[in-house]
């Protein structure tokens, strides 16, 4: 990895290191070194720092206690700022790449929608405390991150952090509505299942695809019925006492001996043929791949920050 190029063209402009003695200049280099070089512990980082340069920081004689204290006092909000600065730069780089053909389903969907987005959340695991200053404190889950990804580029569009690690996905709709403009095709899993919010998306000019939960529905019209594909217009929420009914399209695709059921607000199969509905939903799993990369390969399963968690409520 060309770290010099990264720091000069992306990282340094993002964090605005105009002061050589800036606390973030050193802390940022330390944390990025932990990730890029797979440094196993603060003790090993201390050894590296005393004998060699780390990114843009020169080798420095510092005690392990002082280094540990820096991490305890390091605000997580600064890395959030860096991430939001990096996203537009990464998107601009992707636009310049012309040698990566898009899948057929995405090329087709782009002729119907201005953007294709997917959303998902991932819980950060319990923090294992290596430092003596942390070992006596109560271990808790670090929280939950939610990401909206552009399915065309597989780059994040919006990221938010929820301090409650047990937060229900269905409670994130206010944030979602504020992030997704009209003309979008939004893809999400059944954790976000809510008839009222489905209807709100449609009112705002946002189309969507998700999986069908076990629920009763009323078939209004059958568009296609074959041994491999069933495509119908249905009414969801028609029972009394439930949410206001909505008219959606149910697409059922058979793969070997298993039927996969999807619902979408796109009721005209000309705009989204059945197999494209299934294929586009399947591409939502690239978010899971991204989470897995960050949490396993980069060893960021544990969100470590000196700022205390403010959430003290009960599980959602």
C-alpha atoms as a PDB file:
ATOM      1  CA  UNK A   1       0.000   0.000   0.000  1.00  0.00           C
ATOM      2  CA  UNK A   2       1.361   3.435  -0.962  1.00  0.00           C
ATOM      3  CA  UNK A   3       0.817   5.221   2.342  1.00  0.00           C
ATOM      4  CA  UNK A   4       2.649   8.334   1.168  1.00  0.00           C
ATOM      5  CA  UNK A   5       0.169   8.784  -1.670  1.00  0.00           C
ATOM      6  CA  UNK A   6      -2.794   8.146   0.602  1.00  0.00           C
ATOM      7  CA  UNK A   7      -1.726  10.620   3.246  1.00  0.00           C
ATOM      8  CA  UNK A   8      -0.841  13.355   0.728  1.00  0.00           C
ATOM      9  CA  UNK A   9      -3.896  13.079  -1.543  1.00  0.00           C
ATOM     10  CA  UNK A  10      -6.662  11.906   0.780  1.00  0.00           C
ATOM     11  CA  UNK A  11      -5.945  11.669   4.493  1.00  0.00           C
ATOM     12  CA  UNK A  12      -3.988  14.850   5.138  1.00  0.00           C
ATOM     13  CA  UNK A  13      -6.320  17.165   3.154  1.00  0.00           C
ATOM     14  CA  UNK A  14      -9.292  15.565   4.923  1.00  0.00           C
ATOM     15  CA  UNK A  15      -8.044  16.178   8.460  1.00  0.00           C
ATOM     16  CA  UNK A  16      -6.553  19.557   7.646  1.00  0.00           C
ATOM     17  CA  UNK A  17      -3.230  19.160   9.416  1.00  0.00           C
ATOM     18  CA  UNK A  18      -2.184  22.795   9.246  1.00  0.00           C
ATOM     19  CA  UNK A  19      -0.521  22.641  12.683  1.00  0.00           C
ATOM     20  CA  UNK A  20       2.475  20.296  13.011  1.00  0.00           C
ATOM     21  CA  UNK A  21       1.799  19.932  16.733  1.00  0.00           C
ATOM     22  CA  UNK A  22      -1.896  19.091  16.261  1.00  0.00           C
ATOM     23  CA  UNK A  23      -2.987  16.258  18.586  1.00  0.00           C
ATOM     24  CA  UNK A  24      -4.878  14.568  15.776  1.00  0.00           C
ATOM     25  CA  UNK A  25      -1.802  14.542  13.553  1.00  0.00           C
ATOM     26  CA  UNK A  26      -0.144  12.064  15.929  1.00  0.00           C
ATOM     27  CA  UNK A  27      -3.240  10.173  17.060  1.00  0.00           C
ATOM     28  CA  UNK A  28      -4.463   9.741  13.484  1.00  0.00           C
ATOM     29  CA  UNK A  29      -1.137   8.279  12.411  1.00  0.00           C
ATOM     30  CA  UNK A  30      -1.165   5.887  15.365  1.00  0.00           C
ATOM     31  CA  UNK A  31      -4.658   4.535  14.703  1.00  0.00           C
ATOM     32  CA  UNK A  32      -4.163   4.218  10.939  1.00  0.00           C
ATOM     33  CA  UNK A  33      -0.915   2.339  11.580  1.00  0.00           C
ATOM     34  CA  UNK A  34      -2.767  -0.065  13.900  1.00  0.00           C
ATOM     35  CA  UNK A  35      -5.162  -0.857  11.037  1.00  0.00           C
ATOM     36  CA  UNK A  36      -2.890  -0.909   7.995  1.00  0.00           C
ATOM     37  CA  UNK A  37      -0.034  -2.828   9.581  1.00  0.00           C
ATOM     38  CA  UNK A  38      -2.255  -5.095  11.689  1.00  0.00           C
ATOM     39  CA  UNK A  39      -0.484  -4.086  14.905  1.00  0.00           C
ATOM     40  CA  UNK A  40      -1.777  -6.422  17.600  1.00  0.00           C
ATOM     41  CA  UNK A  41      -1.569  -4.161  20.661  1.00  0.00           C
ATOM     42  CA  UNK A  42      -0.703  -0.742  22.024  1.00  0.00           C
ATOM     43  CA  UNK A  43       2.475  -2.299  23.480  1.00  0.00           C
ATOM     44  CA  UNK A  44       3.642  -3.302  19.995  1.00  0.00           C
ATOM     45  CA  UNK A  45       2.679   0.119  18.634  1.00  0.00           C
ATOM     46  CA  UNK A  46       4.813   1.693  21.381  1.00  0.00           C
ATOM     47  CA  UNK A  47       7.793  -0.353  20.242  1.00  0.00           C
ATOM     48  CA  UNK A  48       7.299   0.674  16.607  1.00  0.00           C
ATOM     49  CA  UNK A  49       6.915   4.341  17.485  1.00  0.00           C
ATOM     50  CA  UNK A  50      10.183   4.385  19.390  1.00  0.00           C
ATOM     51  CA  UNK A  51      12.230   2.922  16.532  1.00  0.00           C
ATOM     52  CA  UNK A  52      10.660   4.007  13.207  1.00  0.00           C
ATOM     53  CA  UNK A  53       8.542   6.625  11.465  1.00  0.00           C
ATOM     54  CA  UNK A  54       4.771   5.946  11.403  1.00  0.00           C
ATOM     55  CA  UNK A  55       3.214   7.454   8.283  1.00  0.00           C
ATOM     56  CA  UNK A  56       3.787  11.207   8.543  1.00  0.00           C
ATOM     57  CA  UNK A  57       5.027  11.113  12.149  1.00  0.00           C
ATOM     58  CA  UNK A  58       8.724  10.768  12.918  1.00  0.00           C
ATOM     59  CA  UNK A  59       9.984   8.154  15.381  1.00  0.00           C
ATOM     60  CA  UNK A  60       9.335   9.467  18.879  1.00  0.00           C
ATOM     61  CA  UNK A  61      10.489   8.377  22.330  1.00  0.00           C
ATOM     62  CA  UNK A  62       7.302   8.186  24.363  1.00  0.00           C
ATOM     63  CA  UNK A  63       6.220   6.009  27.280  1.00  0.00           C
ATOM     64  CA  UNK A  64       3.591   3.322  26.831  1.00  0.00           C
ATOM     65  CA  UNK A  65       1.546   4.965  29.590  1.00  0.00           C
ATOM     66  CA  UNK A  66       1.528   8.277  27.710  1.00  0.00           C
ATOM     67  CA  UNK A  67       0.508   6.530  24.484  1.00  0.00           C
ATOM     68  CA  UNK A  68      -2.332   4.706  26.245  1.00  0.00           C
ATOM     69  CA  UNK A  69      -3.539   8.005  27.707  1.00  0.00           C
ATOM     70  CA  UNK A  70      -3.684   9.528  24.230  1.00  0.00           C
ATOM     71  CA  UNK A  71      -6.074   6.784  23.114  1.00  0.00           C
ATOM     72  CA  UNK A  72      -8.281   7.235  26.177  1.00  0.00           C
ATOM     73  CA  UNK A  73      -8.667  10.926  25.389  1.00  0.00           C
ATOM     74  CA  UNK A  74      -9.020  10.556  21.619  1.00  0.00           C
ATOM     75  CA  UNK A  75     -12.449  11.772  20.359  1.00  0.00           C
ATOM     76  CA  UNK A  76     -14.218   9.455  17.913  1.00  0.00           C
ATOM     77  CA  UNK A  77     -15.894  12.442  16.218  1.00  0.00           C
ATOM     78  CA  UNK A  78     -12.618  13.354  14.490  1.00  0.00           C
ATOM     79  CA  UNK A  79     -12.534  10.049  12.619  1.00  0.00           C
ATOM     80  CA  UNK A  80     -16.170  10.576  11.654  1.00  0.00           C
ATOM     81  CA  UNK A  81     -15.142  13.917  10.173  1.00  0.00           C
ATOM     82  CA  UNK A  82     -12.338  12.235   8.224  1.00  0.00           C
ATOM     83  CA  UNK A  83     -14.718   9.594   6.872  1.00  0.00           C
ATOM     84  CA  UNK A  84     -17.215  12.174   5.628  1.00  0.00           C
ATOM     85  CA  UNK A  85     -14.369  14.072   3.946  1.00  0.00           C
ATOM     86  CA  UNK A  86     -13.069  10.917   2.271  1.00  0.00           C
ATOM     87  CA  UNK A  87     -16.382   9.701   0.805  1.00  0.00           C
ATOM     88  CA  UNK A  88     -16.656  12.399  -1.938  1.00  0.00           C
ATOM     89  CA  UNK A  89     -13.005  11.802  -2.887  1.00  0.00           C
ATOM     90  CA  UNK A  90     -13.577   8.058  -3.227  1.00  0.00           C
ATOM     91  CA  UNK A  91     -16.726   8.669  -5.288  1.00  0.00           C
ATOM     92  CA  UNK A  92     -14.831  11.020  -7.604  1.00  0.00           C
ATOM     93  CA  UNK A  93     -12.140   8.389  -8.129  1.00  0.00           C
ATOM     94  CA  UNK A  94     -14.743   5.770  -9.005  1.00  0.00           C
ATOM     95  CA  UNK A  95     -16.269   8.024 -11.687  1.00  0.00           C
ATOM     96  CA  UNK A  96     -12.875   8.184 -13.431  1.00  0.00           C
ATOM     97  CA  UNK A  97     -12.731   4.396 -13.739  1.00  0.00           C
ATOM     98  CA  UNK A  98     -14.206   3.346 -17.086  1.00  0.00           C
ATOM     99  CA  UNK A  99     -12.993  -0.253 -17.266  1.00  0.00           C
ATOM    100  CA  UNK A 100     -15.511  -1.801 -14.847  1.00  0.00           C
ATOM    101  CA  UNK A 101     -18.725  -2.803 -16.658  1.00  0.00           C
ATOM    102  CA  UNK A 102     -21.902  -2.630 -14.600  1.00  0.00           C
ATOM    103  CA  UNK A 103     -24.106  -5.723 -14.101  1.00  0.00           C
ATOM    104  CA  UNK A 104     -27.132  -5.928 -16.393  1.00  0.00           C
ATOM    105  CA  UNK A 105     -29.593  -5.398 -13.528  1.00  0.00           C
ATOM    106  CA  UNK A 106     -27.890  -2.185 -12.409  1.00  0.00           C
ATOM    107  CA  UNK A 107     -27.556  -0.842 -15.952  1.00  0.00           C
ATOM    108  CA  UNK A 108     -31.275  -1.423 -16.503  1.00  0.00           C
ATOM    109  CA  UNK A 109     -32.317   0.068 -13.153  1.00  0.00           C
ATOM    110  CA  UNK A 110     -30.231   3.192 -13.805  1.00  0.00           C
ATOM    111  CA  UNK A 111     -32.439   3.924 -16.822  1.00  0.00           C
ATOM    112  CA  UNK A 112     -35.465   4.035 -14.492  1.00  0.00           C
ATOM    113  CA  UNK A 113     -34.071   5.544 -11.281  1.00  0.00           C
ATOM    114  CA  UNK A 114     -31.673   8.389 -10.534  1.00  0.00           C
ATOM    115  CA  UNK A 115     -29.820   6.352  -7.907  1.00  0.00           C
ATOM    116  CA  UNK A 116     -29.881   2.839  -6.409  1.00  0.00           C
ATOM    117  CA  UNK A 117     -29.153   2.719  -2.682  1.00  0.00           C
ATOM    118  CA  UNK A 118     -29.118   0.008  -0.025  1.00  0.00           C
ATOM    119  CA  UNK A 119     -29.157   0.390   3.759  1.00  0.00           C
ATOM    120  CA  UNK A 120     -28.163  -1.928   6.597  1.00  0.00           C
ATOM    121  CA  UNK A 121     -26.882  -1.888  10.167  1.00  0.00           C
ATOM    122  CA  UNK A 122     -24.180  -3.839  11.977  1.00  0.00           C
ATOM    123  CA  UNK A 123     -23.569  -4.230  15.707  1.00  0.00           C
ATOM    124  CA  UNK A 124     -20.052  -3.685  17.018  1.00  0.00           C
ATOM    125  CA  UNK A 125     -18.959  -6.427  19.399  1.00  0.00           C
ATOM    126  CA  UNK A 126     -18.111  -6.162  23.072  1.00  0.00           C
ATOM    127  CA  UNK A 127     -14.881  -4.343  23.827  1.00  0.00           C
ATOM    128  CA  UNK A 128     -12.069  -6.501  25.165  1.00  0.00           C
ATOM    129  CA  UNK A 129     -10.056  -4.248  27.407  1.00  0.00           C
ATOM    130  CA  UNK A 130      -6.272  -4.627  27.165  1.00  0.00           C
ATOM    131  CA  UNK A 131      -5.315  -1.582  29.226  1.00  0.00           C
ATOM    132  CA  UNK A 132      -5.260  -1.763  33.006  1.00  0.00           C
ATOM    133  CA  UNK A 133      -7.071   1.589  33.111  1.00  0.00           C
ATOM    134  CA  UNK A 134     -10.005  -0.029  31.269  1.00  0.00           C
ATOM    135  CA  UNK A 135     -10.141  -3.484  32.782  1.00  0.00           C
ATOM    136  CA  UNK A 136     -12.119  -2.493  35.872  1.00  0.00           C
ATOM    137  CA  UNK A 137     -14.866  -0.801  33.871  1.00  0.00           C
ATOM    138  CA  UNK A 138     -18.054  -2.573  32.827  1.00  0.00           C
ATOM    139  CA  UNK A 139     -17.781  -4.155  29.385  1.00  0.00           C
ATOM    140  CA  UNK A 140     -20.597  -3.157  27.039  1.00  0.00           C
ATOM    141  CA  UNK A 141     -21.376  -3.341  23.354  1.00  0.00           C
ATOM    142  CA  UNK A 142     -19.799  -0.475  21.451  1.00  0.00           C
ATOM    143  CA  UNK A 143     -22.955   0.419  19.534  1.00  0.00           C
ATOM    144  CA  UNK A 144     -24.333   0.002  16.043  1.00  0.00           C
ATOM    145  CA  UNK A 145     -23.394   1.561  12.717  1.00  0.00           C
ATOM    146  CA  UNK A 146     -25.840   2.154   9.859  1.00  0.00           C
ATOM    147  CA  UNK A 147     -24.643   2.704   6.317  1.00  0.00           C
ATOM    148  CA  UNK A 148     -26.376   3.721   3.100  1.00  0.00           C
ATOM    149  CA  UNK A 149     -24.384   2.380   0.137  1.00  0.00           C
ATOM    150  CA  UNK A 150     -24.606   3.262  -3.540  1.00  0.00           C
ATOM    151  CA  UNK A 151     -25.176  -0.094  -5.249  1.00  0.00           C
ATOM    152  CA  UNK A 152     -23.535   1.199  -8.439  1.00  0.00           C
ATOM    153  CA  UNK A 153     -20.196   2.047  -6.801  1.00  0.00           C
ATOM    154  CA  UNK A 154     -20.510   0.075  -3.527  1.00  0.00           C
ATOM    155  CA  UNK A 155     -19.291   3.206  -1.759  1.00  0.00           C
ATOM    156  CA  UNK A 156     -21.004   4.650   1.338  1.00  0.00           C
ATOM    157  CA  UNK A 157     -23.314   7.634   0.881  1.00  0.00           C
ATOM    158  CA  UNK A 158     -24.271   8.186   4.518  1.00  0.00           C
ATOM    159  CA  UNK A 159     -23.064   6.652   7.785  1.00  0.00           C
ATOM    160  CA  UNK A 160     -24.530   7.106  11.252  1.00  0.00           C
ATOM    161  CA  UNK A 161     -23.749   5.664  14.665  1.00  0.00           C
ATOM    162  CA  UNK A 162     -26.360   4.546  17.188  1.00  0.00           C
ATOM    163  CA  UNK A 163     -25.101   4.248  20.763  1.00  0.00           C
ATOM    164  CA  UNK A 164     -27.749   1.683  21.675  1.00  0.00           C
ATOM    165  CA  UNK A 165     -26.279  -1.622  20.426  1.00  0.00           C
ATOM    166  CA  UNK A 166     -29.735  -3.220  20.567  1.00  0.00           C
ATOM    167  CA  UNK A 167     -31.408  -0.522  18.480  1.00  0.00           C
ATOM    168  CA  UNK A 168     -34.164  -1.811  16.220  1.00  0.00           C
ATOM    169  CA  UNK A 169     -33.650  -1.107  12.521  1.00  0.00           C
ATOM    170  CA  UNK A 170     -37.251   0.102  12.335  1.00  0.00           C
ATOM    171  CA  UNK A 171     -36.322   3.049  14.576  1.00  0.00           C
ATOM    172  CA  UNK A 172     -33.950   4.444  11.944  1.00  0.00           C
ATOM    173  CA  UNK A 173     -36.650   5.600   9.534  1.00  0.00           C
ATOM    174  CA  UNK A 174     -36.445   9.294  10.455  1.00  0.00           C
ATOM    175  CA  UNK A 175     -32.753   9.252   9.541  1.00  0.00           C
ATOM    176  CA  UNK A 176     -33.467   7.298   6.342  1.00  0.00           C
ATOM    177  CA  UNK A 177     -36.171   9.671   5.122  1.00  0.00           C
ATOM    178  CA  UNK A 178     -33.774  12.571   5.562  1.00  0.00           C
ATOM    179  CA  UNK A 179     -31.025  10.866   3.534  1.00  0.00           C
ATOM    180  CA  UNK A 180     -32.907   9.381   0.580  1.00  0.00           C
ATOM    181  CA  UNK A 181     -34.106  11.845  -2.125  1.00  0.00           C
ATOM    182  CA  UNK A 182     -36.942  11.199  -4.546  1.00  0.00           C
ATOM    183  CA  UNK A 183     -36.105   9.299  -7.700  1.00  0.00           C
ATOM    184  CA  UNK A 184     -34.219   6.689  -5.626  1.00  0.00           C
ATOM    185  CA  UNK A 185     -34.626   2.922  -5.577  1.00  0.00           C
ATOM    186  CA  UNK A 186     -33.964   1.897  -1.962  1.00  0.00           C
ATOM    187  CA  UNK A 187     -33.173  -1.712  -0.997  1.00  0.00           C
ATOM    188  CA  UNK A 188     -33.386  -2.936   2.609  1.00  0.00           C
ATOM    189  CA  UNK A 189     -33.936  -6.136   4.583  1.00  0.00           C
ATOM    190  CA  UNK A 190     -36.863  -7.196   6.753  1.00  0.00           C
ATOM    191  CA  UNK A 191     -35.455  -5.494   9.842  1.00  0.00           C
ATOM    192  CA  UNK A 192     -36.879  -2.230   8.451  1.00  0.00           C
ATOM    193  CA  UNK A 193     -40.319  -3.757   7.843  1.00  0.00           C
ATOM    194  CA  UNK A 194     -43.028  -1.139   8.471  1.00  0.00           C
ATOM    195  CA  UNK A 195     -46.111  -0.597   6.278  1.00  0.00           C
ATOM    196  CA  UNK A 196     -46.455   3.043   7.339  1.00  0.00           C
ATOM    197  CA  UNK A 197     -42.860   3.815   6.376  1.00  0.00           C
ATOM    198  CA  UNK A 198     -43.258   1.922   3.089  1.00  0.00           C
ATOM    199  CA  UNK A 199     -46.176   4.205   2.248  1.00  0.00           C
ATOM    200  CA  UNK A 200     -44.164   7.293   3.264  1.00  0.00           C
ATOM    201  CA  UNK A 201     -41.387   6.347   0.852  1.00  0.00           C
ATOM    202  CA  UNK A 202     -43.883   5.977  -1.976  1.00  0.00           C
ATOM    203  CA  UNK A 203     -45.439   9.350  -1.155  1.00  0.00           C
ATOM    204  CA  UNK A 204     -41.984  10.933  -1.298  1.00  0.00           C
ATOM    205  CA  UNK A 205     -41.246   9.449  -4.713  1.00  0.00           C
ATOM    206  CA  UNK A 206     -38.856   6.743  -3.450  1.00  0.00           C
ATOM    207  CA  UNK A 207     -39.235   3.223  -4.836  1.00  0.00           C
ATOM    208  CA  UNK A 208     -38.134   0.253  -2.732  1.00  0.00           C
ATOM    209  CA  UNK A 209     -37.451  -3.499  -2.620  1.00  0.00           C
ATOM    210  CA  UNK A 210     -37.414  -5.798   0.416  1.00  0.00           C
ATOM    211  CA  UNK A 211     -38.200  -9.400   1.383  1.00  0.00           C
ATOM    212  CA  UNK A 212     -41.726 -10.458   2.321  1.00  0.00           C
ATOM    213  CA  UNK A 213     -42.317 -11.264   5.974  1.00  0.00           C
ATOM    214  CA  UNK A 214     -44.794 -13.905   7.020  1.00  0.00           C
ATOM    215  CA  UNK A 215     -48.012 -11.922   6.737  1.00  0.00           C
ATOM    216  CA  UNK A 216     -51.415 -12.250   5.174  1.00  0.00           C
ATOM    217  CA  UNK A 217     -52.127 -10.389   1.976  1.00  0.00           C
ATOM    218  CA  UNK A 218     -54.849 -10.184  -0.629  1.00  0.00           C
ATOM    219  CA  UNK A 219     -54.039 -10.908  -4.280  1.00  0.00           C
ATOM    220  CA  UNK A 220     -55.501  -8.304  -6.612  1.00  0.00           C
ATOM    221  CA  UNK A 221     -54.048  -9.406  -9.910  1.00  0.00           C
ATOM    222  CA  UNK A 222     -51.664 -12.079 -11.208  1.00  0.00           C
ATOM    223  CA  UNK A 223     -49.178 -10.836 -13.799  1.00  0.00           C
ATOM    224  CA  UNK A 224     -47.139 -14.023 -14.317  1.00  0.00           C
ATOM    225  CA  UNK A 225     -47.525 -17.576 -13.060  1.00  0.00           C
ATOM    226  CA  UNK A 226     -45.009 -20.233 -14.118  1.00  0.00           C
ATOM    227  CA  UNK A 227     -43.273 -23.107 -12.309  1.00  0.00           C
ATOM    228  CA  UNK A 228     -40.321 -20.755 -11.671  1.00  0.00           C
ATOM    229  CA  UNK A 229     -41.850 -17.265 -11.325  1.00  0.00           C
ATOM    230  CA  UNK A 230     -44.994 -15.851  -9.743  1.00  0.00           C
ATOM    231  CA  UNK A 231     -45.567 -12.101 -10.152  1.00  0.00           C
ATOM    232  CA  UNK A 232     -48.647 -10.555  -8.503  1.00  0.00           C
ATOM    233  CA  UNK A 233     -50.135  -7.240  -7.397  1.00  0.00           C
ATOM    234  CA  UNK A 234     -51.182  -7.623  -3.759  1.00  0.00           C
ATOM    235  CA  UNK A 235     -52.700  -5.632  -0.916  1.00  0.00           C
ATOM    236  CA  UNK A 236     -50.706  -5.658   2.323  1.00  0.00           C
ATOM    237  CA  UNK A 237     -52.188  -4.725   5.688  1.00  0.00           C
ATOM    238  CA  UNK A 238     -55.786  -5.364   4.673  1.00  0.00           C
ATOM    239  CA  UNK A 239     -56.865  -6.745   8.048  1.00  0.00           C
ATOM    240  CA  UNK A 240     -58.723  -4.435  10.413  1.00  0.00           C
ATOM    241  CA  UNK A 241     -56.773  -2.844  13.226  1.00  0.00           C
ATOM    242  CA  UNK A 242     -53.523  -2.977  11.288  1.00  0.00           C
ATOM    243  CA  UNK A 243     -51.667  -0.218   9.387  1.00  0.00           C
ATOM    244  CA  UNK A 244     -53.348   1.412   6.404  1.00  0.00           C
ATOM    245  CA  UNK A 245     -53.300  -1.052   3.481  1.00  0.00           C
ATOM    246  CA  UNK A 246     -50.794  -0.506   0.683  1.00  0.00           C
ATOM    247  CA  UNK A 247     -50.715  -1.874  -2.852  1.00  0.00           C
ATOM    248  CA  UNK A 248     -47.387  -3.499  -3.753  1.00  0.00           C
ATOM    249  CA  UNK A 249     -46.003  -6.128  -6.065  1.00  0.00           C
ATOM    250  CA  UNK A 250     -45.058  -9.607  -4.853  1.00  0.00           C
ATOM    251  CA  UNK A 251     -42.321 -11.360  -6.849  1.00  0.00           C
ATOM    252  CA  UNK A 252     -41.658 -15.036  -6.115  1.00  0.00           C
ATOM    253  CA  UNK A 253     -38.603 -16.697  -7.665  1.00  0.00           C
ATOM    254  CA  UNK A 254     -37.881 -20.412  -7.406  1.00  0.00           C
ATOM    255  CA  UNK A 255     -34.274 -21.560  -7.141  1.00  0.00           C
ATOM    256  CA  UNK A 256     -34.049 -25.352  -7.082  1.00  0.00           C
ATOM    257  CA  UNK A 257     -36.575 -26.331  -4.378  1.00  0.00           C
ATOM    258  CA  UNK A 258     -36.731 -22.997  -2.546  1.00  0.00           C
ATOM    259  CA  UNK A 259     -39.034 -20.051  -3.217  1.00  0.00           C
ATOM    260  CA  UNK A 260     -37.722 -16.540  -2.521  1.00  0.00           C
ATOM    261  CA  UNK A 261     -40.326 -13.827  -2.008  1.00  0.00           C
ATOM    262  CA  UNK A 262     -39.760 -10.117  -2.555  1.00  0.00           C
ATOM    263  CA  UNK A 263     -42.076  -7.135  -2.400  1.00  0.00           C
ATOM    264  CA  UNK A 264     -41.566  -3.854  -4.219  1.00  0.00           C
ATOM    265  CA  UNK A 265     -43.403  -0.589  -4.732  1.00  0.00           C
ATOM    266  CA  UNK A 266     -42.614  -0.837  -8.462  1.00  0.00           C
ATOM    267  CA  UNK A 267     -45.867  -2.356  -9.640  1.00  0.00           C
ATOM    268  CA  UNK A 268     -45.127  -2.289 -13.385  1.00  0.00           C
ATOM    269  CA  UNK A 269     -42.963  -5.294 -14.385  1.00  0.00           C
ATOM    270  CA  UNK A 270     -41.801  -3.351 -17.450  1.00  0.00           C
ATOM    271  CA  UNK A 271     -39.931  -1.004 -15.096  1.00  0.00           C
ATOM    272  CA  UNK A 272     -38.468  -3.853 -13.040  1.00  0.00           C
ATOM    273  CA  UNK A 273     -38.823  -7.413 -14.412  1.00  0.00           C
ATOM    274  CA  UNK A 274     -39.080 -10.178 -11.778  1.00  0.00           C
ATOM    275  CA  UNK A 275     -35.531 -11.520 -12.073  1.00  0.00           C
ATOM    276  CA  UNK A 276     -34.099  -8.005 -11.808  1.00  0.00           C
ATOM    277  CA  UNK A 277     -36.001  -7.479  -8.545  1.00  0.00           C
ATOM    278  CA  UNK A 278     -34.339 -10.596  -7.121  1.00  0.00           C
ATOM    279  CA  UNK A 279     -30.908  -9.739  -8.514  1.00  0.00           C
ATOM    280  CA  UNK A 280     -30.956  -6.165  -7.180  1.00  0.00           C
ATOM    281  CA  UNK A 281     -31.989  -7.343  -3.722  1.00  0.00           C
ATOM    282  CA  UNK A 282     -29.158  -9.880  -3.780  1.00  0.00           C
ATOM    283  CA  UNK A 283     -26.683  -7.048  -4.365  1.00  0.00           C
ATOM    284  CA  UNK A 284     -27.683  -5.565  -1.016  1.00  0.00           C
ATOM    285  CA  UNK A 285     -25.372  -8.190   0.491  1.00  0.00           C
ATOM    286  CA  UNK A 286     -22.384  -6.164  -0.668  1.00  0.00           C
ATOM    287  CA  UNK A 287     -23.022  -4.064   2.445  1.00  0.00           C
ATOM    288  CA  UNK A 288     -22.520  -7.211   4.526  1.00  0.00           C
ATOM    289  CA  UNK A 289     -19.278  -7.827   2.641  1.00  0.00           C
ATOM    290  CA  UNK A 290     -18.117  -4.304   3.444  1.00  0.00           C
ATOM    291  CA  UNK A 291     -18.988  -4.740   7.122  1.00  0.00           C
ATOM    292  CA  UNK A 292     -17.138  -8.050   7.177  1.00  0.00           C
ATOM    293  CA  UNK A 293     -14.067  -6.465   5.606  1.00  0.00           C
ATOM    294  CA  UNK A 294     -13.977  -3.674   8.166  1.00  0.00           C
ATOM    295  CA  UNK A 295     -14.736  -5.882  11.176  1.00  0.00           C
ATOM    296  CA  UNK A 296     -12.574  -8.912  10.336  1.00  0.00           C
ATOM    297  CA  UNK A 297      -9.773  -8.039   7.921  1.00  0.00           C
ATOM    298  CA  UNK A 298      -9.138  -4.590   9.403  1.00  0.00           C
ATOM    299  CA  UNK A 299      -9.914  -5.884  12.923  1.00  0.00           C
ATOM    300  CA  UNK A 300     -12.336  -3.055  13.678  1.00  0.00           C
ATOM    301  CA  UNK A 301     -14.910  -5.213  15.445  1.00  0.00           C
ATOM    302  CA  UNK A 302     -14.216  -3.196  18.559  1.00  0.00           C
ATOM    303  CA  UNK A 303     -14.996   0.503  18.586  1.00  0.00           C
ATOM    304  CA  UNK A 304     -12.480   1.971  21.009  1.00  0.00           C
ATOM    305  CA  UNK A 305     -12.789   5.638  21.974  1.00  0.00           C
ATOM    306  CA  UNK A 306     -11.959   7.705  25.003  1.00  0.00           C
ATOM    307  CA  UNK A 307     -15.425   9.270  24.924  1.00  0.00           C
ATOM    308  CA  UNK A 308     -17.885   7.516  27.274  1.00  0.00           C
ATOM    309  CA  UNK A 309     -21.079   6.062  25.839  1.00  0.00           C
ATOM    310  CA  UNK A 310     -24.060   8.239  26.665  1.00  0.00           C
ATOM    311  CA  UNK A 311     -26.717   5.580  26.083  1.00  0.00           C
ATOM    312  CA  UNK A 312     -27.928   3.992  29.337  1.00  0.00           C
ATOM    313  CA  UNK A 313     -31.373   2.758  28.354  1.00  0.00           C
ATOM    314  CA  UNK A 314     -32.801  -0.737  28.106  1.00  0.00           C
ATOM    315  CA  UNK A 315     -32.617  -2.848  24.943  1.00  0.00           C
ATOM    316  CA  UNK A 316     -34.949  -1.719  22.160  1.00  0.00           C
END
